Amino acid sequence: PSNNLEDPPVVEGDQRVDPDPGLLDVVPVDGKQGYD
């Protein structure tokens, strides 16, 4: 925002919130295995 009395500027953006199956493969179930 321009200052602390304003809200951050909202743009049209991507309004889709469909399920993303790709998230199932990003985080390993094994807590000792790293990932980005």
PDB file of all heavy atoms in Angstrom:
ATOM      1  N   PRO A   1       0.848  -1.192   0.000  1.00  0.00           N
ATOM      2  CA  PRO A   1       0.000   0.000   0.000  1.00  0.00           C
ATOM      3  C   PRO A   1       0.885   1.244   0.000  1.00  0.00           C
ATOM      4  O   PRO A   1       2.076   1.173   0.332  1.00  0.00           O
ATOM      5  CB  PRO A   1      -0.772  -0.127   1.306  1.00  0.00           C
ATOM      6  CG  PRO A   1       0.145  -0.878   2.217  1.00  0.00           C
ATOM      7  CD  PRO A   1       0.876  -1.850   1.324  1.00  0.00           C
ATOM      8  N   SER A   2       0.310   2.367  -0.367  1.00  0.00           N
ATOM      9  CA  SER A   2       1.088   3.607  -0.361  1.00  0.00           C
ATOM     10  C   SER A   2       1.431   4.049   1.055  1.00  0.00           C
ATOM     11  O   SER A   2       2.442   4.721   1.277  1.00  0.00           O
ATOM     12  CB  SER A   2       0.325   4.721  -1.083  1.00  0.00           C
ATOM     13  OG  SER A   2       0.216   4.432  -2.451  1.00  0.00           O
ATOM     14  N   ASN A   3       0.588   3.679   2.021  1.00  0.00           N
ATOM     15  CA  ASN A   3       0.845   4.064   3.406  1.00  0.00           C
ATOM     16  C   ASN A   3       0.098   3.111   4.332  1.00  0.00           C
ATOM     17  O   ASN A   3      -0.628   2.220   3.880  1.00  0.00           O
ATOM     18  CB  ASN A   3       0.427   5.516   3.652  1.00  0.00           C
ATOM     19  CG  ASN A   3      -1.030   5.766   3.292  1.00  0.00           C
ATOM     20  OD1 ASN A   3      -1.939   5.269   3.971  1.00  0.00           O
ATOM     21  ND2 ASN A   3      -1.257   6.514   2.218  1.00  0.00           N
ATOM     22  N   ASN A   4       0.273   3.310   5.625  1.00  0.00           N
ATOM     23  CA  ASN A   4      -0.273   2.378   6.611  1.00  0.00           C
ATOM     24  C   ASN A   4      -1.785   2.517   6.822  1.00  0.00           C
ATOM     25  O   ASN A   4      -2.385   1.708   7.522  1.00  0.00           O
ATOM     26  CB  ASN A   4       0.442   2.561   7.961  1.00  0.00           C
ATOM     27  CG  ASN A   4       0.148   3.917   8.596  1.00  0.00           C
ATOM     28  OD1 ASN A   4       0.026   4.923   7.904  1.00  0.00           O
ATOM     29  ND2 ASN A   4       0.043   3.939   9.902  1.00  0.00           N
ATOM     30  N   LEU A   5      -2.391   3.528   6.215  1.00  0.00           N
ATOM     31  CA  LEU A   5      -3.840   3.706   6.341  1.00  0.00           C
ATOM     32  C   LEU A   5      -4.592   3.068   5.173  1.00  0.00           C
ATOM     33  O   LEU A   5      -5.825   3.072   5.155  1.00  0.00           O
ATOM     34  CB  LEU A   5      -4.184   5.196   6.428  1.00  0.00           C
ATOM     35  CG  LEU A   5      -3.565   5.944   7.625  1.00  0.00           C
ATOM     36  CD1 LEU A   5      -3.971   7.420   7.591  1.00  0.00           C
ATOM     37  CD2 LEU A   5      -3.974   5.300   8.942  1.00  0.00           C
ATOM     38  N   GLU A   6      -3.860   2.550   4.208  1.00  0.00           N
ATOM     39  CA  GLU A   6      -4.475   1.920   3.048  1.00  0.00           C
ATOM     40  C   GLU A   6      -4.288   0.410   3.100  1.00  0.00           C
ATOM     41  O   GLU A   6      -3.383  -0.096   3.754  1.00  0.00           O
ATOM     42  CB  GLU A   6      -3.856   2.447   1.751  1.00  0.00           C
ATOM     43  CG  GLU A   6      -4.110   3.916   1.484  1.00  0.00           C
ATOM     44  CD  GLU A   6      -3.528   4.361   0.154  1.00  0.00           C
ATOM     45  OE1 GLU A   6      -2.998   3.504  -0.594  1.00  0.00           O
ATOM     46  OE2 GLU A   6      -3.582   5.564  -0.143  1.00  0.00           O
ATOM     47  N   ASP A   7      -5.156  -0.306   2.381  1.00  0.00           N
ATOM     48  CA  ASP A   7      -4.967  -1.738   2.190  1.00  0.00           C
ATOM     49  C   ASP A   7      -4.048  -1.967   1.002  1.00  0.00           C
ATOM     50  O   ASP A   7      -3.966  -1.123   0.098  1.00  0.00           O
ATOM     51  CB  ASP A   7      -6.316  -2.425   1.947  1.00  0.00           C
ATOM     52  CG  ASP A   7      -7.166  -2.486   3.210  1.00  0.00           C
ATOM     53  OD1 ASP A   7      -6.570  -2.599   4.304  1.00  0.00           O
ATOM     54  OD2 ASP A   7      -8.399  -2.414   3.112  1.00  0.00           O
ATOM     55  N   PRO A   8      -3.351  -3.103   0.963  1.00  0.00           N
ATOM     56  CA  PRO A   8      -2.497  -3.414  -0.188  1.00  0.00           C
ATOM     57  C   PRO A   8      -3.324  -3.450  -1.473  1.00  0.00           C
ATOM     58  O   PRO A   8      -4.513  -3.786  -1.444  1.00  0.00           O
ATOM     59  CB  PRO A   8      -1.933  -4.799   0.146  1.00  0.00           C
ATOM     60  CG  PRO A   8      -2.051  -4.917   1.630  1.00  0.00           C
ATOM     61  CD  PRO A   8      -3.283  -4.149   2.001  1.00  0.00           C
ATOM     62  N   PRO A   9      -2.718  -3.112  -2.613  1.00  0.00           N
ATOM     63  CA  PRO A   9      -3.468  -3.032  -3.868  1.00  0.00           C
ATOM     64  C   PRO A   9      -3.888  -4.411  -4.387  1.00  0.00           C
ATOM     65  O   PRO A   9      -3.042  -5.253  -4.697  1.00  0.00           O
ATOM     66  CB  PRO A   9      -2.478  -2.369  -4.832  1.00  0.00           C
ATOM     67  CG  PRO A   9      -1.129  -2.657  -4.258  1.00  0.00           C
ATOM     68  CD  PRO A   9      -1.307  -2.714  -2.775  1.00  0.00           C
ATOM     69  N   VAL A  10      -5.182  -4.641  -4.458  1.00  0.00           N
ATOM     70  CA  VAL A  10      -5.716  -5.904  -4.961  1.00  0.00           C
ATOM     71  C   VAL A  10      -5.849  -5.810  -6.478  1.00  0.00           C
ATOM     72  O   VAL A  10      -6.364  -4.818  -6.998  1.00  0.00           O
ATOM     73  CB  VAL A  10      -7.086  -6.217  -4.318  1.00  0.00           C
ATOM     74  CG1 VAL A  10      -7.687  -7.493  -4.906  1.00  0.00           C
ATOM     75  CG2 VAL A  10      -6.944  -6.332  -2.810  1.00  0.00           C
ATOM     76  N   VAL A  11      -5.360  -6.842  -7.181  1.00  0.00           N
ATOM     77  CA  VAL A  11      -5.486  -6.889  -8.637  1.00  0.00           C
ATOM     78  C   VAL A  11      -6.467  -8.003  -9.006  1.00  0.00           C
ATOM     79  O   VAL A  11      -6.927  -8.759  -8.147  1.00  0.00           O
ATOM     80  CB  VAL A  11      -4.121  -7.121  -9.304  1.00  0.00           C
ATOM     81  CG1 VAL A  11      -3.155  -6.000  -8.940  1.00  0.00           C
ATOM     82  CG2 VAL A  11      -3.526  -8.463  -8.896  1.00  0.00           C
ATOM     83  N   GLU A  12      -6.767  -8.118 -10.269  1.00  0.00           N
ATOM     84  CA  GLU A  12      -7.727  -9.140 -10.697  1.00  0.00           C
ATOM     85  C   GLU A  12      -7.237 -10.537 -10.334  1.00  0.00           C
ATOM     86  O   GLU A  12      -7.976 -11.348  -9.804  1.00  0.00           O
ATOM     87  CB  GLU A  12      -7.963  -9.025 -12.198  1.00  0.00           C
ATOM     88  CG  GLU A  12      -9.048  -9.971 -12.703  1.00  0.00           C
ATOM     89  CD  GLU A  12      -9.355  -9.760 -14.174  1.00  0.00           C
ATOM     90  OE1 GLU A  12      -8.992  -8.695 -14.710  1.00  0.00           O
ATOM     91  OE2 GLU A  12      -9.946 -10.664 -14.789  1.00  0.00           O
ATOM     92  N   GLY A  13      -5.972 -10.809 -10.603  1.00  0.00           N
ATOM     93  CA  GLY A  13      -5.370 -12.065 -10.173  1.00  0.00           C
ATOM     94  C   GLY A  13      -6.013 -13.302 -10.768  1.00  0.00           C
ATOM     95  O   GLY A  13      -6.860 -13.239 -11.664  1.00  0.00           O
ATOM     96  N   ASP A  14      -5.586 -14.444 -10.248  1.00  0.00           N
ATOM     97  CA  ASP A  14      -6.121 -15.739 -10.672  1.00  0.00           C
ATOM     98  C   ASP A  14      -7.172 -16.176  -9.658  1.00  0.00           C
ATOM     99  O   ASP A  14      -6.846 -16.492  -8.512  1.00  0.00           O
ATOM    100  CB  ASP A  14      -4.977 -16.757 -10.754  1.00  0.00           C
ATOM    101  CG  ASP A  14      -5.446 -18.124 -11.239  1.00  0.00           C
ATOM    102  OD1 ASP A  14      -6.661 -18.276 -11.499  1.00  0.00           O
ATOM    103  OD2 ASP A  14      -4.605 -19.033 -11.343  1.00  0.00           O
ATOM    104  N   GLN A  15      -8.422 -16.187 -10.075  1.00  0.00           N
ATOM    105  CA  GLN A  15      -9.513 -16.493  -9.158  1.00  0.00           C
ATOM    106  C   GLN A  15      -9.778 -17.997  -9.018  1.00  0.00           C
ATOM    107  O   GLN A  15     -10.615 -18.403  -8.213  1.00  0.00           O
ATOM    108  CB  GLN A  15     -10.792 -15.792  -9.628  1.00  0.00           C
ATOM    109  CG  GLN A  15     -10.681 -14.270  -9.667  1.00  0.00           C
ATOM    110  CD  GLN A  15     -10.365 -13.663  -8.308  1.00  0.00           C
ATOM    111  OE1 GLN A  15     -10.952 -14.038  -7.299  1.00  0.00           O
ATOM    112  NE2 GLN A  15      -9.403 -12.731  -8.271  1.00  0.00           N
ATOM    113  N   ARG A  16      -9.068 -18.807  -9.771  1.00  0.00           N
ATOM    114  CA  ARG A  16      -9.287 -20.255  -9.701  1.00  0.00           C
ATOM    115  C   ARG A  16      -8.744 -20.830  -8.396  1.00  0.00           C
ATOM    116  O   ARG A  16      -7.632 -20.507  -7.991  1.00  0.00           O
ATOM    117  CB  ARG A  16      -8.632 -20.952 -10.888  1.00  0.00           C
ATOM    118  CG  ARG A  16      -9.257 -20.624 -12.251  1.00  0.00           C
ATOM    119  CD  ARG A  16      -8.446 -21.210 -13.383  1.00  0.00           C
ATOM    120  NE  ARG A  16      -7.083 -20.674 -13.386  1.00  0.00           N
ATOM    121  CZ  ARG A  16      -6.123 -21.087 -14.197  1.00  0.00           C
ATOM    122  NH1 ARG A  16      -6.346 -22.055 -15.066  1.00  0.00           N
ATOM    123  NH2 ARG A  16      -4.913 -20.544 -14.153  1.00  0.00           N
ATOM    124  N   VAL A  17      -9.513 -21.697  -7.775  1.00  0.00           N
ATOM    125  CA  VAL A  17      -9.073 -22.377  -6.550  1.00  0.00           C
ATOM    126  C   VAL A  17      -9.342 -23.877  -6.682  1.00  0.00           C
ATOM    127  O   VAL A  17      -9.722 -24.550  -5.725  1.00  0.00           O
ATOM    128  CB  VAL A  17      -9.768 -21.793  -5.299  1.00  0.00           C
ATOM    129  CG1 VAL A  17      -9.272 -20.397  -5.003  1.00  0.00           C
ATOM    130  CG2 VAL A  17     -11.286 -21.793  -5.463  1.00  0.00           C
ATOM    131  N   ASP A  18      -9.145 -24.385  -7.869  1.00  0.00           N
ATOM    132  CA  ASP A  18      -9.388 -25.801  -8.130  1.00  0.00           C
ATOM    133  C   ASP A  18      -8.404 -26.675  -7.362  1.00  0.00           C
ATOM    134  O   ASP A  18      -7.275 -26.237  -7.059  1.00  0.00           O
ATOM    135  CB  ASP A  18      -9.251 -26.104  -9.629  1.00  0.00           C
ATOM    136  CG  ASP A  18     -10.182 -25.244 -10.469  1.00  0.00           C
ATOM    137  OD1 ASP A  18     -11.303 -24.991  -9.991  1.00  0.00           O
ATOM    138  OD2 ASP A  18      -9.787 -24.837 -11.581  1.00  0.00           O
ATOM    139  N   PRO A  19      -8.786 -27.918  -7.046  1.00  0.00           N
ATOM    140  CA  PRO A  19      -7.841 -28.838  -6.389  1.00  0.00           C
ATOM    141  C   PRO A  19      -6.578 -29.021  -7.225  1.00  0.00           C
ATOM    142  O   PRO A  19      -6.640 -29.060  -8.459  1.00  0.00           O
ATOM    143  CB  PRO A  19      -8.634 -30.147  -6.292  1.00  0.00           C
ATOM    144  CG  PRO A  19     -10.061 -29.733  -6.349  1.00  0.00           C
ATOM    145  CD  PRO A  19     -10.121 -28.527  -7.238  1.00  0.00           C
ATOM    146  N   ASP A  20      -5.443 -29.103  -6.558  1.00  0.00           N
ATOM    147  CA  ASP A  20      -4.153 -29.269  -7.239  1.00  0.00           C
ATOM    148  C   ASP A  20      -3.523 -30.597  -6.821  1.00  0.00           C
ATOM    149  O   ASP A  20      -2.854 -30.678  -5.789  1.00  0.00           O
ATOM    150  CB  ASP A  20      -3.219 -28.109  -6.880  1.00  0.00           C
ATOM    151  CG  ASP A  20      -1.867 -28.205  -7.575  1.00  0.00           C
ATOM    152  OD1 ASP A  20      -1.691 -29.115  -8.399  1.00  0.00           O
ATOM    153  OD2 ASP A  20      -0.990 -27.370  -7.277  1.00  0.00           O
ATOM    154  N   PRO A  21      -3.719 -31.660  -7.611  1.00  0.00           N
ATOM    155  CA  PRO A  21      -3.152 -32.977  -7.255  1.00  0.00           C
ATOM    156  C   PRO A  21      -1.635 -32.967  -7.150  1.00  0.00           C
ATOM    157  O   PRO A  21      -1.046 -33.814  -6.478  1.00  0.00           O
ATOM    158  CB  PRO A  21      -3.620 -33.878  -8.416  1.00  0.00           C
ATOM    159  CG  PRO A  21      -4.782 -33.162  -9.020  1.00  0.00           C
ATOM    160  CD  PRO A  21      -4.499 -31.704  -8.845  1.00  0.00           C
ATOM    161  N   GLY A  22      -0.988 -31.979  -7.804  1.00  0.00           N
ATOM    162  CA  GLY A  22       0.470 -31.901  -7.753  1.00  0.00           C
ATOM    163  C   GLY A  22       1.012 -31.704  -6.353  1.00  0.00           C
ATOM    164  O   GLY A  22       2.152 -32.082  -6.057  1.00  0.00           O
ATOM    165  N   LEU A  23       0.201 -31.136  -5.457  1.00  0.00           N
ATOM    166  CA  LEU A  23       0.656 -30.921  -4.081  1.00  0.00           C
ATOM    167  C   LEU A  23       0.849 -32.234  -3.326  1.00  0.00           C
ATOM    168  O   LEU A  23       1.564 -32.279  -2.320  1.00  0.00           O
ATOM    169  CB  LEU A  23      -0.340 -30.032  -3.330  1.00  0.00           C
ATOM    170  CG  LEU A  23      -0.240 -28.525  -3.612  1.00  0.00           C
ATOM    171  CD1 LEU A  23      -1.442 -27.790  -3.046  1.00  0.00           C
ATOM    172  CD2 LEU A  23       1.048 -27.951  -3.047  1.00  0.00           C
ATOM    173  N   LEU A  24       0.233 -33.300  -3.789  1.00  0.00           N
ATOM    174  CA  LEU A  24       0.369 -34.600  -3.111  1.00  0.00           C
ATOM    175  C   LEU A  24       1.776 -35.171  -3.262  1.00  0.00           C
ATOM    176  O   LEU A  24       2.183 -36.029  -2.470  1.00  0.00           O
ATOM    177  CB  LEU A  24      -0.649 -35.596  -3.674  1.00  0.00           C
ATOM    178  CG  LEU A  24      -2.127 -35.246  -3.454  1.00  0.00           C
ATOM    179  CD1 LEU A  24      -3.018 -36.220  -4.201  1.00  0.00           C
ATOM    180  CD2 LEU A  24      -2.457 -35.237  -1.966  1.00  0.00           C
ATOM    181  N   ASP A  25       2.524 -34.701  -4.273  1.00  0.00           N
ATOM    182  CA  ASP A  25       3.846 -35.267  -4.560  1.00  0.00           C
ATOM    183  C   ASP A  25       4.999 -34.372  -4.125  1.00  0.00           C
ATOM    184  O   ASP A  25       6.158 -34.709  -4.337  1.00  0.00           O
ATOM    185  CB  ASP A  25       3.962 -35.546  -6.068  1.00  0.00           C
ATOM    186  CG  ASP A  25       2.872 -36.477  -6.573  1.00  0.00           C
ATOM    187  OD1 ASP A  25       2.565 -37.440  -5.854  1.00  0.00           O
ATOM    188  OD2 ASP A  25       2.345 -36.232  -7.676  1.00  0.00           O
ATOM    189  N   VAL A  26       4.696 -33.212  -3.537  1.00  0.00           N
ATOM    190  CA  VAL A  26       5.760 -32.249  -3.212  1.00  0.00           C
ATOM    191  C   VAL A  26       6.405 -32.545  -1.865  1.00  0.00           C
ATOM    192  O   VAL A  26       7.629 -32.514  -1.719  1.00  0.00           O
ATOM    193  CB  VAL A  26       5.200 -30.812  -3.223  1.00  0.00           C
ATOM    194  CG1 VAL A  26       6.286 -29.822  -2.802  1.00  0.00           C
ATOM    195  CG2 VAL A  26       4.677 -30.452  -4.611  1.00  0.00           C
ATOM    196  N   VAL A  27       5.588 -32.850  -0.870  1.00  0.00           N
ATOM    197  CA  VAL A  27       6.087 -33.036   0.502  1.00  0.00           C
ATOM    198  C   VAL A  27       6.174 -34.530   0.820  1.00  0.00           C
ATOM    199  O   VAL A  27       5.151 -35.220   0.853  1.00  0.00           O
ATOM    200  CB  VAL A  27       5.168 -32.332   1.523  1.00  0.00           C
ATOM    201  CG1 VAL A  27       5.668 -32.563   2.940  1.00  0.00           C
ATOM    202  CG2 VAL A  27       5.083 -30.842   1.224  1.00  0.00           C
ATOM    203  N   PRO A  28       7.396 -35.054   1.068  1.00  0.00           N
ATOM    204  CA  PRO A  28       7.531 -36.469   1.418  1.00  0.00           C
ATOM    205  C   PRO A  28       6.844 -36.781   2.752  1.00  0.00           C
ATOM    206  O   PRO A  28       6.857 -35.960   3.671  1.00  0.00           O
ATOM    207  CB  PRO A  28       9.046 -36.673   1.524  1.00  0.00           C
ATOM    208  CG  PRO A  28       9.659 -35.507   0.822  1.00  0.00           C
ATOM    209  CD  PRO A  28       8.696 -34.378   0.994  1.00  0.00           C
ATOM    210  N   VAL A  29       6.258 -37.966   2.854  1.00  0.00           N
ATOM    211  CA  VAL A  29       5.627 -38.381   4.112  1.00  0.00           C
ATOM    212  C   VAL A  29       6.675 -38.584   5.190  1.00  0.00           C
ATOM    213  O   VAL A  29       6.449 -38.295   6.371  1.00  0.00           O
ATOM    214  CB  VAL A  29       4.795 -39.668   3.893  1.00  0.00           C
ATOM    215  CG1 VAL A  29       4.236 -40.164   5.231  1.00  0.00           C
ATOM    216  CG2 VAL A  29       3.663 -39.400   2.910  1.00  0.00           C
ATOM    217  N   ASP A  30       7.855 -39.072   4.803  1.00  0.00           N
ATOM    218  CA  ASP A  30       8.949 -39.290   5.745  1.00  0.00           C
ATOM    219  C   ASP A  30       9.455 -37.941   6.251  1.00  0.00           C
ATOM    220  O   ASP A  30      10.002 -37.139   5.491  1.00  0.00           O
ATOM    221  CB  ASP A  30      10.075 -40.062   5.062  1.00  0.00           C
ATOM    222  CG  ASP A  30      11.241 -40.361   6.005  1.00  0.00           C
ATOM    223  OD1 ASP A  30      11.171 -39.974   7.197  1.00  0.00           O
ATOM    224  OD2 ASP A  30      12.218 -40.982   5.557  1.00  0.00           O
ATOM    225  N   GLY A  31       9.295 -37.693   7.546  1.00  0.00           N
ATOM    226  CA  GLY A  31       9.680 -36.409   8.129  1.00  0.00           C
ATOM    227  C   GLY A  31      11.164 -36.123   8.091  1.00  0.00           C
ATOM    228  O   GLY A  31      11.576 -34.982   8.293  1.00  0.00           O
ATOM    229  N   LYS A  32      11.985 -37.139   7.819  1.00  0.00           N
ATOM    230  CA  LYS A  32      13.438 -36.937   7.765  1.00  0.00           C
ATOM    231  C   LYS A  32      13.926 -36.591   6.364  1.00  0.00           C
ATOM    232  O   LYS A  32      15.098 -36.324   6.168  1.00  0.00           O
ATOM    233  CB  LYS A  32      14.156 -38.197   8.250  1.00  0.00           C
ATOM    234  CG  LYS A  32      13.917 -38.502   9.726  1.00  0.00           C
ATOM    235  CD  LYS A  32      14.674 -39.735  10.169  1.00  0.00           C
ATOM    236  CE  LYS A  32      14.447 -40.017  11.656  1.00  0.00           C
ATOM    237  NZ  LYS A  32      15.150 -41.247  12.100  1.00  0.00           N
ATOM    238  N   GLN A  33      13.023 -36.608   5.403  1.00  0.00           N
ATOM    239  CA  GLN A  33      13.395 -36.339   4.018  1.00  0.00           C
ATOM    240  C   GLN A  33      13.134 -34.875   3.694  1.00  0.00           C
ATOM    241  O   GLN A  33      12.054 -34.344   3.945  1.00  0.00           O
ATOM    242  CB  GLN A  33      12.595 -37.242   3.076  1.00  0.00           C
ATOM    243  CG  GLN A  33      13.084 -37.222   1.641  1.00  0.00           C
ATOM    244  CD  GLN A  33      12.369 -38.247   0.784  1.00  0.00           C
ATOM    245  OE1 GLN A  33      11.796 -39.211   1.304  1.00  0.00           O
ATOM    246  NE2 GLN A  33      12.386 -38.050  -0.522  1.00  0.00           N
ATOM    247  N   GLY A  34      14.126 -34.212   3.135  1.00  0.00           N
ATOM    248  CA  GLY A  34      14.006 -32.792   2.824  1.00  0.00           C
ATOM    249  C   GLY A  34      13.298 -32.536   1.512  1.00  0.00           C
ATOM    250  O   GLY A  34      13.114 -33.430   0.682  1.00  0.00           O
ATOM    251  N   TYR A  35      12.900 -31.292   1.303  1.00  0.00           N
ATOM    252  CA  TYR A  35      12.290 -30.838   0.060  1.00  0.00           C
ATOM    253  C   TYR A  35      12.329 -29.317   0.060  1.00  0.00           C
ATOM    254  O   TYR A  35      12.575 -28.695   1.099  1.00  0.00           O
ATOM    255  CB  TYR A  35      10.835 -31.333  -0.061  1.00  0.00           C
ATOM    256  CG  TYR A  35       9.922 -30.777   1.008  1.00  0.00           C
ATOM    257  CD1 TYR A  35       9.159 -29.629   0.797  1.00  0.00           C
ATOM    258  CD2 TYR A  35       9.839 -31.376   2.271  1.00  0.00           C
ATOM    259  CE1 TYR A  35       8.346 -29.102   1.799  1.00  0.00           C
ATOM    260  CE2 TYR A  35       9.033 -30.855   3.276  1.00  0.00           C
ATOM    261  CZ  TYR A  35       8.284 -29.720   3.020  1.00  0.00           C
ATOM    262  OH  TYR A  35       7.493 -29.199   4.016  1.00  0.00           O
ATOM    263  N   ASP A  36      12.093 -28.726  -1.091  1.00  0.00           N
ATOM    264  CA  ASP A  36      12.114 -27.265  -1.210  1.00  0.00           C
ATOM    265  C   ASP A  36      10.703 -26.732  -0.996  1.00  0.00           C
ATOM    266  O   ASP A  36       9.805 -26.965  -1.814  1.00  0.00           O
ATOM    267  CB  ASP A  36      12.628 -26.858  -2.587  1.00  0.00           C
ATOM    268  CG  ASP A  36      12.930 -25.366  -2.684  1.00  0.00           C
ATOM    269  OD1 ASP A  36      12.391 -24.591  -1.863  1.00  0.00           O
ATOM    270  OD2 ASP A  36      13.690 -24.968  -3.581  1.00  0.00           O
TER     271      ASP A  36
END
